[in-house]
Protein backbone atom coordinates (compact mmCIF):
# COMPACT_ATOMS: atom_id res chain seq x y z
CA MET A 1 84.08 117.28 190.93
CA SER A 2 87.31 118.82 190.05
CA ARG A 3 87.82 121.90 187.79
CA ILE A 4 90.85 122.49 185.44
CA ASP A 5 91.96 126.04 185.57
CA GLY A 6 88.60 127.08 186.80
CA TYR A 7 86.64 125.15 183.98
CA ALA A 8 84.22 122.29 184.76
CA PRO A 9 84.09 119.30 182.40
CA ILE A 10 81.40 119.85 179.81
CA ARG A 11 80.03 116.44 181.00
CA ASP A 12 79.34 117.90 184.40
CA TYR A 13 76.71 120.40 183.40
CA ALA A 14 72.92 120.07 183.57
CA ALA A 15 70.43 122.39 181.72
CA ILE A 16 67.38 124.28 183.02
CA GLY A 17 65.18 126.70 181.26
CA ASP A 18 61.74 128.06 180.51
CA GLY A 19 61.36 127.97 176.75
CA ARG A 20 62.99 131.34 176.26
CA THR A 21 66.56 130.73 177.50
CA ILE A 22 68.76 128.02 179.19
CA ALA A 23 71.10 128.06 182.04
CA LEU A 24 73.89 125.61 182.66
CA VAL A 25 74.49 124.39 186.21
CA ALA A 26 77.72 122.52 187.06
CA ARG A 27 77.88 119.62 189.48
CA ASP A 28 79.53 121.88 192.02
CA GLY A 29 76.52 124.25 191.96
CA SER A 30 77.80 127.07 189.84
CA VAL A 31 75.70 128.45 187.06
CA ASP A 32 78.26 129.18 184.44
CA TRP A 33 76.15 130.03 181.46
CA LEU A 34 73.05 132.12 181.21
CA PRO A 35 71.99 134.24 178.09
CA LEU A 36 69.44 136.99 178.82
CA PRO A 37 66.67 137.55 177.84
CA THR A 38 66.66 134.81 175.25
CA LEU A 39 68.80 131.82 174.39
CA ALA A 40 70.44 133.75 171.55
CA SER A 41 71.04 136.89 173.63
CA PRO A 42 74.42 137.91 175.04
CA PRO A 43 75.14 135.91 178.23
CA ALA A 44 74.90 137.54 181.64
CA LEU A 45 76.94 134.74 183.01
CA ALA A 46 79.76 133.16 180.88
CA ALA A 47 82.33 131.49 183.11
CA LEU A 48 81.83 128.56 180.64
CA LEU A 49 83.93 130.48 178.15
CA ASP A 50 86.19 132.54 180.46
CA ALA A 51 86.64 131.28 184.07
CA GLU A 52 88.10 134.82 185.16
CA ARG A 53 86.00 137.24 183.11
CA GLY A 54 82.80 135.45 182.35
CA GLY A 55 80.76 135.71 185.49
CA ARG A 56 78.90 133.04 187.40
CA PHE A 57 76.15 132.35 190.06
CA VAL A 58 77.78 130.11 192.79
CA LEU A 59 75.90 128.21 195.38
CA GLN A 60 77.85 125.40 197.13
CA PRO A 61 78.92 124.05 200.56
CA GLU A 62 81.97 125.59 202.27
CA GLY A 63 84.72 123.11 202.45
CA SER A 64 84.69 119.66 200.73
CA PHE A 65 81.61 117.85 199.57
CA ASP A 66 80.28 114.97 197.53
CA VAL A 67 77.54 115.36 194.95
CA GLU A 68 74.60 113.39 193.67
CA ARG A 69 72.29 114.82 190.98
CA ARG A 70 69.01 114.05 189.16
CA TYR A 71 66.24 115.77 187.40
CA VAL A 72 63.02 115.54 189.27
CA PRO A 73 61.33 112.72 187.25
CA GLU A 74 59.79 113.78 183.94
CA THR A 75 60.74 117.52 184.43
CA ASN A 76 63.66 119.93 183.61
CA VAL A 77 63.87 120.76 187.43
CA LEU A 78 67.26 119.80 188.81
CA GLU A 79 68.14 118.53 192.22
CA THR A 80 71.61 118.50 193.63
CA THR A 81 72.35 116.83 196.89
CA PHE A 82 75.44 117.94 198.61
CA HIS A 83 76.97 115.61 201.21
CA THR A 84 79.48 117.15 203.63
CA ALA A 85 81.25 116.01 206.88
CA SER A 86 78.62 117.81 208.94
CA GLY A 87 75.40 117.10 207.03
CA THR A 88 73.47 116.99 203.86
CA ALA A 89 71.52 119.54 201.90
CA ARG A 90 69.56 119.49 198.61
CA VAL A 91 69.43 122.32 196.14
CA THR A 92 66.48 122.47 193.73
CA ASP A 93 67.12 124.65 190.56
CA ALA A 94 64.65 125.70 188.07
CA VAL A 95 63.74 128.50 185.70
CA THR A 96 60.22 128.91 186.99
CA LEU A 97 57.02 128.67 184.94
CA ARG A 98 53.44 129.43 185.89
CA SER A 99 50.81 126.75 185.56
CA ILE A 100 49.43 128.77 182.67
CA GLY A 101 52.72 129.43 180.88
CA LEU A 102 55.65 131.71 180.88
CA LEU A 103 56.27 134.36 183.48
CA PRO A 104 56.35 137.96 182.31
CA TRP A 105 59.88 138.08 183.73
CA PHE A 106 62.84 135.69 184.03
CA GLU A 107 63.15 133.95 187.43
CA LEU A 108 65.80 131.30 188.36
CA ALA A 109 64.98 129.77 191.69
CA ARG A 110 67.36 127.98 193.92
CA ARG A 111 65.73 126.26 196.96
CA ILE A 112 68.06 124.96 199.67
CA ASP A 113 66.65 122.21 201.86
CA GLY A 114 68.51 120.77 204.99
CA LEU A 115 68.29 117.02 204.96
CA SER A 116 70.41 116.02 207.88
CA GLY A 117 72.93 117.69 210.32
CA GLU A 118 74.05 121.17 209.43
CA VAL A 119 75.47 122.47 206.11
CA ARG A 120 77.01 125.90 205.66
CA LEU A 121 76.79 127.15 201.95
CA ARG A 122 78.14 130.17 200.35
CA TYR A 123 76.54 132.06 197.26
CA ASP A 124 77.72 134.78 194.94
CA LEU A 125 76.13 136.31 191.88
CA ASP A 126 78.68 137.95 189.56
CA VAL A 127 76.91 139.33 186.48
CA ARG A 128 79.40 140.32 183.75
CA PHE A 129 77.79 140.33 180.29
CA PRO A 130 81.15 139.66 178.81
CA PHE A 131 79.83 139.67 175.23
CA GLY A 132 78.54 143.21 175.79
CA GLY A 133 74.86 144.04 175.15
CA GLY A 134 73.46 143.95 178.64
CA GLU A 135 72.55 147.60 178.91
CA ARG A 136 68.87 147.02 178.66
CA THR A 137 68.75 143.98 181.02
CA HIS A 138 68.27 144.42 184.76
CA VAL A 139 69.28 141.53 187.03
CA GLU A 140 68.67 141.26 190.78
CA LEU A 141 69.30 138.61 193.38
CA LEU A 142 66.62 138.05 196.00
CA ALA A 143 67.72 135.97 199.19
CA PHE A 144 65.46 134.43 201.75
CA GLY A 145 66.72 132.85 204.87
CA ALA A 146 70.32 133.97 203.74
CA ASP A 147 72.74 136.37 205.30
CA ASP A 148 75.34 138.28 203.22
CA GLY A 149 76.64 135.46 201.05
CA ARG A 150 76.15 132.73 203.58
CA ILE A 151 73.40 130.15 204.15
CA THR A 152 73.13 127.74 207.03
CA VAL A 153 70.48 125.01 206.91
CA ARG A 154 69.75 122.18 209.36
CA ASP A 155 67.49 119.13 209.07
CA GLY A 156 63.96 120.40 208.01
CA GLU A 157 65.07 124.02 207.39
CA ARG A 158 64.94 125.79 204.05
CA ALA A 159 66.33 128.88 202.36
CA LEU A 160 65.59 130.32 198.91
CA LEU A 161 67.58 132.32 196.30
CA ALA A 162 66.07 133.83 193.24
CA LEU A 163 67.62 135.58 190.25
CA VAL A 164 65.13 137.88 188.67
CA ALA A 165 65.73 139.65 185.33
CA VAL A 166 63.76 141.89 182.93
CA GLU A 167 64.54 144.02 179.83
CA ASP A 168 63.69 147.59 179.58
CA GLU A 169 60.81 147.44 182.13
CA PRO A 170 60.28 147.81 185.93
CA LEU A 171 62.07 145.25 188.07
CA PRO A 172 59.74 142.94 190.08
CA ARG A 173 60.59 141.65 193.46
CA PRO A 174 58.25 138.71 194.17
CA GLU A 175 57.64 137.49 197.71
CA ARG A 176 59.11 134.19 198.90
CA ASP A 177 55.84 132.24 198.96
CA GLU A 178 55.14 133.31 195.39
CA ILE A 179 58.49 131.85 194.23
CA GLU A 180 58.07 128.75 196.19
CA ARG A 181 54.58 128.12 194.71
CA ARG A 182 55.93 128.74 191.21
CA LEU A 183 58.79 126.28 191.81
CA ASP A 184 56.24 123.59 192.66
CA GLU A 185 54.02 124.66 189.59
CA THR A 186 57.04 124.29 187.39
CA VAL A 187 57.39 120.70 188.28
CA GLN A 188 53.72 120.13 187.50
CA ALA A 189 53.92 122.10 184.26
CA TRP A 190 56.81 119.86 182.97
CA ARG A 191 55.03 116.68 183.97
CA MET A 192 51.76 117.86 182.31
CA TRP A 193 53.74 118.54 179.05
CA ILE A 194 55.50 115.17 178.99
CA SER A 195 52.27 113.27 179.93
CA ASP A 196 51.34 113.22 176.30
CA HIS A 197 54.63 111.49 175.38
CA ALA A 198 53.75 108.49 173.11
CA TYR A 199 56.89 106.36 173.23
CA GLU A 200 56.67 103.09 175.04
CA GLY A 201 59.69 101.13 173.95
CA ALA A 202 63.15 100.36 175.40
CA TRP A 203 65.17 103.23 176.57
CA ARG A 204 62.13 105.06 177.76
CA GLU A 205 63.99 107.14 180.28
CA ALA A 206 66.58 108.26 177.73
CA VAL A 207 63.89 109.15 175.11
CA THR A 208 61.95 111.05 177.77
CA ARG A 209 65.06 113.00 178.77
CA SER A 210 65.73 113.74 175.08
CA ALA A 211 62.12 115.01 174.51
CA LEU A 212 62.57 117.24 177.49
CA ALA A 213 65.84 118.56 176.20
CA LEU A 214 64.47 119.29 172.87
CA LYS A 215 61.63 121.16 174.54
CA LEU A 216 64.10 123.25 176.37
CA LEU A 217 65.75 124.14 172.94
CA THR A 218 62.48 125.23 171.47
CA TYR A 219 61.76 128.92 171.65
CA GLU A 220 58.43 128.74 173.35
CA PRO A 221 56.68 132.03 172.09
CA LEU A 222 56.99 131.07 168.43
CA GLY A 223 58.32 127.43 168.02
CA GLY A 224 61.80 127.93 166.50
CA ILE A 225 64.18 125.18 167.63
CA ALA A 226 67.88 126.08 168.48
CA ALA A 227 70.65 123.55 167.61
CA ALA A 228 72.21 123.90 170.98
CA ALA A 229 72.24 126.04 174.14
CA THR A 230 75.75 127.42 173.80
CA THR A 231 78.35 128.89 171.59
CA SER A 232 81.96 128.16 171.08
CA LEU A 233 82.42 124.95 173.04
CA PRO A 234 85.25 123.26 171.18
CA GLU A 235 85.20 120.21 168.87
CA ARG A 236 88.79 119.69 170.00
CA LEU A 237 90.41 121.20 173.04
CA GLY A 238 92.54 124.13 172.05
CA GLY A 239 91.08 124.02 168.58
CA ALA A 240 89.39 126.82 166.54
CA ALA A 241 86.27 124.92 165.46
CA ASN A 242 84.12 126.71 168.06
CA TRP A 243 80.70 127.77 166.54
CA ASP A 244 77.65 129.48 167.78
CA TYR A 245 74.69 127.08 167.66
CA ARG A 246 72.05 129.26 169.26
CA PHE A 247 70.10 129.60 166.01
CA CYS A 248 67.61 127.49 164.12
CA TRP A 249 69.06 125.23 161.53
CA VAL A 250 66.49 124.17 158.83
CA ARG A 251 68.18 120.68 158.89
CA ASP A 252 67.90 120.28 162.68
CA ALA A 253 64.36 121.70 162.84
CA ALA A 254 63.31 119.23 160.21
CA TYR A 255 64.87 116.33 162.03
CA THR A 256 63.37 117.49 165.37
CA LEU A 257 59.89 117.79 163.85
CA ASP A 258 60.35 114.21 162.62
CA ALA A 259 61.26 113.07 166.19
CA LEU A 260 58.35 115.09 167.71
CA LEU A 261 55.95 113.38 165.47
CA ALA A 262 57.29 110.00 166.27
CA LEU A 263 56.79 110.79 169.86
CA GLY A 264 53.29 111.97 169.40
CA ARG A 265 54.03 115.61 170.00
CA ARG A 266 51.67 116.90 167.35
CA GLU A 267 51.13 120.41 168.91
CA ASP A 268 54.81 121.03 169.22
CA ALA A 269 55.47 119.67 165.61
CA HIS A 270 52.85 122.06 164.25
CA ALA A 271 54.29 125.06 165.95
CA SER A 272 57.80 124.27 164.74
CA PHE A 273 56.73 123.54 161.22
CA SER A 274 54.74 126.85 161.07
CA TRP A 275 57.67 128.72 162.44
CA LEU A 276 60.07 127.20 159.87
CA ALA A 277 57.78 127.83 156.87
CA ASP A 278 57.43 131.52 158.00
CA ALA A 279 61.16 131.98 158.40
CA ILE A 280 62.03 130.43 155.10
CA ALA A 281 59.37 132.63 153.33
CA THR A 282 61.48 135.71 154.18
CA THR A 283 64.21 134.40 152.05
CA ALA A 284 62.29 132.18 149.38
CA PRO A 285 63.01 130.89 146.88
CA ASP A 286 66.33 130.59 148.48
CA ILE A 287 66.58 128.62 151.73
CA ARG A 288 69.34 129.67 154.14
CA PRO A 289 71.00 126.98 156.34
CA LEU A 290 69.95 128.72 159.56
CA TYR A 291 67.67 131.48 160.76
CA GLY A 292 67.74 133.58 163.89
CA LEU A 293 65.30 133.02 166.76
CA ALA A 294 62.89 135.93 167.58
CA GLY A 295 64.45 138.23 170.06
CA GLY A 296 67.91 137.07 169.29
CA PRO A 297 70.80 139.12 167.77
CA ALA A 298 71.78 139.39 164.16
CA LEU A 299 73.54 136.30 162.64
CA GLU A 300 76.59 138.32 161.58
CA GLU A 301 79.54 136.29 162.99
CA ARG A 302 82.13 138.09 165.13
CA ILE A 303 84.75 137.13 167.55
CA VAL A 304 84.56 138.02 171.27
CA ASP A 305 87.75 138.81 173.33
CA LEU A 306 87.38 135.90 175.91
CA ASP A 307 89.76 133.12 176.78
CA GLY A 308 87.54 130.39 175.45
CA TYR A 309 86.72 127.06 177.11
CA ARG A 310 90.03 125.83 178.50
CA GLY A 311 91.89 128.19 176.22
CA SER A 312 89.92 127.15 173.04
CA ARG A 313 89.80 130.22 170.82
CA PRO A 314 88.19 132.01 169.19
CA VAL A 315 85.00 132.68 170.98
CA ARG A 316 82.30 133.46 168.38
CA THR A 317 78.85 135.07 168.33
CA GLY A 318 76.75 134.71 165.34
CA ASN A 319 77.37 132.28 162.64
CA ALA A 320 78.65 132.93 159.03
CA ALA A 321 77.20 129.56 157.87
CA THR A 322 74.01 131.61 157.06
CA GLU A 323 75.55 132.83 153.93
CA GLN A 324 76.59 129.39 152.65
CA THR A 325 74.88 127.41 149.94
CA GLN A 326 73.60 124.14 151.38
CA LEU A 327 71.35 122.26 148.94
CA GLY A 328 70.49 119.76 151.54
CA VAL A 329 68.04 122.01 153.26
CA TYR A 330 65.67 121.86 150.43
CA GLY A 331 65.17 118.11 150.98
CA ASP A 332 64.96 118.87 154.81
CA LEU A 333 62.06 121.21 154.08
CA LEU A 334 60.17 118.99 151.69
CA ASP A 335 60.60 115.94 153.91
CA THR A 336 59.25 117.89 156.87
CA ALA A 337 56.21 119.02 154.80
CA TRP A 338 55.64 115.30 153.85
CA ARG A 339 55.94 114.06 157.36
CA TYR A 340 53.48 116.79 158.51
CA VAL A 341 50.95 115.76 155.79
CA ASP A 342 51.52 112.07 156.28
CA GLU A 343 50.33 112.46 159.88
CA GLY A 344 46.90 113.63 158.62
CA ASN A 345 47.58 117.39 158.42
CA GLY A 346 47.11 119.61 155.42
CA LEU A 347 49.00 122.41 153.78
CA ASP A 348 47.50 125.92 153.31
CA PRO A 349 47.86 127.66 149.85
CA ALA A 350 50.72 129.95 151.07
CA THR A 351 52.73 126.99 152.19
CA GLN A 352 52.02 125.25 148.89
CA GLU A 353 53.21 128.25 146.94
CA LEU A 354 56.31 128.41 149.12
CA LEU A 355 57.18 124.75 148.42
CA VAL A 356 56.63 125.11 144.66
CA ALA A 357 58.92 128.18 144.51
CA VAL A 358 61.75 126.47 146.38
CA LEU A 359 61.43 123.35 144.22
CA GLU A 360 61.78 125.45 141.14
CA ASN A 361 64.82 127.00 142.67
CA LEU A 362 66.39 123.52 143.40
CA ALA A 363 65.60 122.24 139.93
CA SER A 364 67.95 124.99 138.58
CA ARG A 365 70.67 124.49 141.27
CA TRP A 366 71.19 120.98 142.38
CA ARG A 367 73.88 120.35 139.93
CA GLU A 368 76.06 123.00 141.68
CA PRO A 369 78.59 122.19 144.30
CA ASP A 370 77.64 123.32 147.81
CA CYS A 371 79.08 123.41 151.35
CA GLY A 372 77.31 120.25 152.50
CA PHE A 373 75.79 119.06 155.78
CA TRP A 374 78.77 119.71 157.77
CA GLU A 375 79.21 123.42 156.61
CA ILE A 376 82.93 122.95 155.70
CA ARG A 377 84.39 126.26 154.94
CA GLY A 378 86.83 127.00 152.17
CA GLY A 379 85.58 125.28 149.17
CA ALA A 380 82.26 123.81 147.76
CA ARG A 381 81.98 120.17 146.40
CA HIS A 382 79.33 117.84 145.14
CA TYR A 383 78.50 116.28 148.47
CA THR A 384 76.66 112.98 148.33
CA HIS A 385 74.28 113.95 151.15
CA SER A 386 73.30 117.18 149.37
CA LYS A 387 72.43 115.09 146.13
CA LEU A 388 70.54 112.59 148.15
CA SER A 389 68.64 115.38 149.90
CA ALA A 390 67.83 116.80 146.46
CA GLN A 391 66.35 113.39 145.67
CA ILE A 392 64.35 113.60 148.89
CA ALA A 393 62.88 117.04 147.89
CA PHE A 394 61.52 115.85 144.53
CA ASP A 395 60.42 112.39 145.92
CA ARG A 396 58.44 114.26 148.58
CA ALA A 397 57.08 116.74 146.10
CA LEU A 398 55.71 113.92 144.15
CA ARG A 399 54.08 112.33 147.17
CA LEU A 400 52.56 115.64 148.11
CA ALA A 401 51.16 115.99 144.64
CA GLN A 402 49.65 112.55 144.69
CA ALA A 403 48.03 113.45 148.08
CA GLY A 404 46.59 116.56 146.69
CA ASP A 405 48.78 118.94 148.66
CA LEU A 406 50.84 120.27 145.79
CA PRO A 407 49.76 120.99 142.21
CA ASN A 408 50.14 118.14 139.69
CA GLU A 409 51.11 120.25 136.78
CA ASP A 410 54.80 120.30 137.85
CA ALA A 411 54.87 116.61 138.73
CA PRO A 412 56.46 115.42 135.39
CA ARG A 413 59.46 117.77 135.84
CA TRP A 414 60.00 116.74 139.37
CA ALA A 415 59.97 113.09 138.24
CA ARG A 416 62.65 113.92 135.57
CA GLU A 417 64.87 115.79 138.21
CA LEU A 418 64.51 112.75 140.50
CA ASP A 419 65.70 110.31 137.89
CA GLU A 420 68.58 112.56 136.84
CA ILE A 421 69.78 113.06 140.45
CA GLN A 422 69.62 109.30 141.12
CA SER A 423 71.75 108.67 138.06
CA PHE A 424 74.33 111.15 139.25
CA VAL A 425 74.37 109.66 142.71
CA GLU A 426 74.85 106.09 141.40
CA ALA A 427 77.43 107.04 138.79
CA ARG A 428 79.64 109.53 140.83
CA CYS A 429 78.78 109.13 144.59
CA TRP A 430 79.20 105.32 144.71
CA SER A 431 82.76 103.81 145.20
CA ASP A 432 83.37 100.30 144.28
CA ALA A 433 86.77 100.48 145.96
CA LEU A 434 85.13 101.53 149.34
CA GLY A 435 82.08 99.43 148.65
CA ALA A 436 80.06 102.58 149.94
CA TYR A 437 78.51 105.82 149.07
CA ARG A 438 81.17 108.57 149.12
CA PHE A 439 81.55 111.69 151.25
CA TYR A 440 81.51 113.66 148.02
CA ALA A 441 81.53 112.79 144.32
CA ASP A 442 84.63 111.24 142.74
CA GLU A 443 86.78 110.85 145.87
CA ASP A 444 86.92 107.73 148.07
CA LYS A 445 86.18 109.11 151.36
CA LEU A 446 83.28 108.28 153.83
CA ASP A 447 80.56 110.29 155.62
CA THR A 448 78.10 109.08 158.28
CA THR A 449 75.32 111.14 156.67
CA THR A 450 75.01 108.39 154.14
CA LEU A 451 73.43 106.35 156.83
CA LEU A 452 70.46 108.61 156.80
CA ALA A 453 69.52 107.30 153.41
CA TYR A 454 67.81 104.41 155.28
CA ARG A 455 65.71 106.70 157.58
CA ARG A 456 64.65 109.09 154.74
CA ARG A 457 63.57 106.16 152.50
CA ILE A 458 65.46 107.51 149.53
CA PRO A 459 64.66 105.58 146.31
CA GLN A 460 67.77 103.37 145.61
CA ARG A 461 68.48 100.84 142.78
CA ALA A 462 70.34 98.55 145.00
CA THR A 463 69.55 98.05 148.65
CA GLU A 464 72.74 95.98 149.05
CA ARG A 465 74.78 99.31 148.41
CA LEU A 466 73.21 100.68 151.63
CA GLU A 467 74.08 97.58 153.52
CA SER A 468 77.58 97.66 152.26
CA THR A 469 77.81 101.30 153.21
CA ILE A 470 77.02 100.47 156.79
CA ALA A 471 79.90 98.06 156.94
CA ALA A 472 82.33 100.46 155.39
CA VAL A 473 81.37 103.26 157.77
CA ARG A 474 81.77 101.07 160.87
CA ARG A 475 85.16 99.74 159.59
CA GLU A 476 86.64 103.07 158.51
CA LEU A 477 85.05 105.68 160.74
CA GLY A 478 85.01 103.73 164.03
CA ALA A 479 86.36 105.40 167.07
CA GLY A 480 85.96 102.64 169.47
CA GLY A 481 82.97 100.91 170.84
CA PRO A 482 79.80 102.44 169.34
CA LEU A 483 81.57 105.73 168.55
CA LEU A 484 81.98 107.04 164.99
CA PHE A 485 83.88 110.09 163.50
CA ARG A 486 81.46 111.90 161.47
CA HIS A 487 83.52 111.77 158.18
CA SER A 488 87.03 110.70 156.88
CA GLU A 489 88.48 114.23 157.34
CA ALA A 490 87.44 114.20 160.98
CA VAL A 491 89.17 110.98 161.91
CA GLY A 492 91.69 111.72 164.74
CA GLN A 493 91.10 115.58 164.37
CA GLU A 494 88.05 115.97 166.70
CA GLY A 495 85.79 113.92 168.88
CA ALA A 496 83.37 111.23 167.78
CA PHE A 497 80.05 112.64 166.59
CA VAL A 498 77.25 111.53 168.90
CA ALA A 499 74.32 111.76 166.35
CA SER A 500 76.45 109.50 163.87
CA SER A 501 76.18 106.51 166.28
CA PHE A 502 72.50 106.89 166.68
CA TRP A 503 72.16 107.17 162.90
CA LEU A 504 74.00 103.87 162.82
CA ALA A 505 71.41 102.25 165.24
CA ASP A 506 68.59 103.59 163.19
CA ALA A 507 70.01 102.32 159.96
CA LEU A 508 70.63 98.81 161.43
CA SER A 509 67.08 98.69 162.53
CA ARG A 510 65.81 99.66 159.21
CA ALA A 511 68.03 96.90 157.75
CA GLU A 512 66.31 94.41 159.99
CA ARG A 513 69.42 94.01 162.21
CA LEU A 514 67.66 94.58 165.47
CA ASP A 515 70.06 93.01 167.74
CA GLU A 516 72.98 95.04 166.44
CA ALA A 517 70.84 98.22 166.60
CA ALA A 518 69.94 97.50 170.16
CA GLU A 519 73.60 96.97 171.16
CA VAL A 520 74.68 100.19 169.53
CA MET A 521 71.81 102.00 171.47
CA ASP A 522 72.65 100.44 174.87
CA SER A 523 76.24 101.40 174.59
CA MET A 524 75.44 104.96 173.34
CA VAL A 525 72.78 105.70 176.00
CA ALA A 526 75.27 104.60 178.68
CA LEU A 527 77.70 107.41 177.58
CA GLY A 528 75.21 110.12 178.46
CA ASN A 529 76.12 112.22 181.65
CA ASP A 530 74.77 111.65 184.97
CA VAL A 531 71.48 113.41 184.10
CA GLY A 532 71.02 111.92 180.60
CA LEU A 533 72.27 114.76 178.44
CA PHE A 534 74.63 114.73 175.48
CA ALA A 535 77.00 117.20 173.83
CA GLU A 536 77.87 117.25 170.22
CA GLU A 537 80.81 115.03 170.46
CA ILE A 538 82.58 112.54 172.79
CA GLU A 539 86.32 112.28 173.02
CA PRO A 540 87.26 108.51 172.25
CA GLY A 541 89.22 106.85 175.03
CA THR A 542 88.13 109.40 177.82
CA ASN A 543 84.47 109.68 177.06
CA GLU A 544 84.74 113.34 177.94
CA PHE A 545 82.18 115.69 176.09
CA LEU A 546 83.17 118.01 173.34
CA GLY A 547 81.17 120.67 171.38
CA ASN A 548 78.05 122.66 172.21
CA PHE A 549 75.74 121.35 174.93
CA PRO A 550 73.01 120.15 175.24
CA GLN A 551 73.11 119.32 171.55
CA GLY A 552 69.67 119.11 169.87
CA LEU A 553 70.92 116.82 167.11
CA SER A 554 72.36 114.32 169.47
CA HIS A 555 69.07 114.06 171.30
CA LEU A 556 66.75 113.96 168.35
CA ALA A 557 68.95 111.24 166.78
CA LEU A 558 68.60 109.29 169.96
CA ALA A 559 64.72 109.72 169.96
CA GLN A 560 64.58 108.87 166.24
CA ALA A 561 66.65 105.73 166.56
CA ALA A 562 64.67 104.42 169.59
CA ALA A 563 61.30 105.02 167.68
CA ALA A 564 62.67 103.29 164.63
CA ILE A 565 63.87 100.11 166.62
CA ALA A 566 60.43 100.07 168.48
CA ARG A 567 58.58 100.17 165.12
CA ALA A 568 60.84 97.53 163.47
CA GLY A 569 60.39 95.27 166.53
CA SER A 570 56.57 95.57 166.61
């Protein structure tokens, strides 16, 4: 691979982690991103965002080399095979686990196996904590079979490096055989987790990888799901739309839970729903767009003095979107609760009380403008998706009441609100000129989130309007092949939004257009990187990745679309 000014292409990264944090490993063997001790903590290594001042953990052959990579099948353990003129060596990278769960410390193991000939490698750990905040975290590199930054392996020989870190406690120095054993246990632990995977349709490998990626983004101790593993990777090179996604969005958590249930992951879905309800209870009856993960920093947004990925400034930590009004999250919560109950589960009295309170709040607020799904800063509007999500909230409330999981006395009001919102949507959010539901009320612009109306089973007066919306979105927001810009104001201003294309495949399947849905899926799955991961966006024309990585919304949309096509074809 080739770097540009010291930066690897975003497409060239793979992710490893243990349910607390995630490291990004480039194809050339450099770990360029590692927050410690949790995913939302300040990064110890951040060459991803500043090639000179960020810090990295390098392990690569001396001289020129070629690279092959894969994940060990059905795991988040990475294998990188380096081919040099003198021989071949394989590096196995993992954040280690015990067979019974998390280690009490962080341990990134890098095992080097000689496969043929002789390979000389160099290694270097440069811990910087360029965001600050690393005073309490202690990091040490253990080297076995290595000598002062150099490793030589021949056919059948093995060496081992391990980065060990703790926060405010004694620093362990495990023996080599312990780390080796844990590396093997980590492979088995991931395979045991994925063995309950219920999906059997087409694109099984891509769906399995997406499930494993979503598991990496889940904060294991409690169940909160981060939107992505990184901050400030740009939506356009050199642009300023660089956001911190290392927090739990209500929207993303709801969609992820839906994907987990579709894949048979009931235990994970329960943990994530419980975490989400507990987080929302801290601000109810208001629901914030996002919440911090346990152990992470405050959500307050600030700018960090770093160069940014390939000069894309600013670099941010925290996210001011937490202060926005996003009415769509009410529908996300209620839809999640309904999906949970529809799978045969029940709601406890505290959760029922929480849902009634937020519904009362929504009933008094849905007529207000908000910042919408895309968190556009600088002015609130009547976004169609927000109104459709308000419909979802009251529709799901009525279903929960009918199932006996919410009190019936409020049902008449919920039904009235549902009808009033539907009238608003059909009168002000539909465009005869576009033949589609609008981006926001009264203006003829388009938005791919309208495709979600199919998946969320929103009550509509005319199904043909949804069919017409599919056609308009493909015509006006197409970015080449299966790619779509997320809305009219993004056309030509940023990359194509990965999840939008999977939403299209999902909508086509629910419209019983299975051949078209499968064609979109095939084309999109082929655009993943060499280990099956996706960022937030893809640059049309070059297929380079843009935005934070790996992106949970991209992977859960893939899984949901594949499951929808499988159901429609059964």
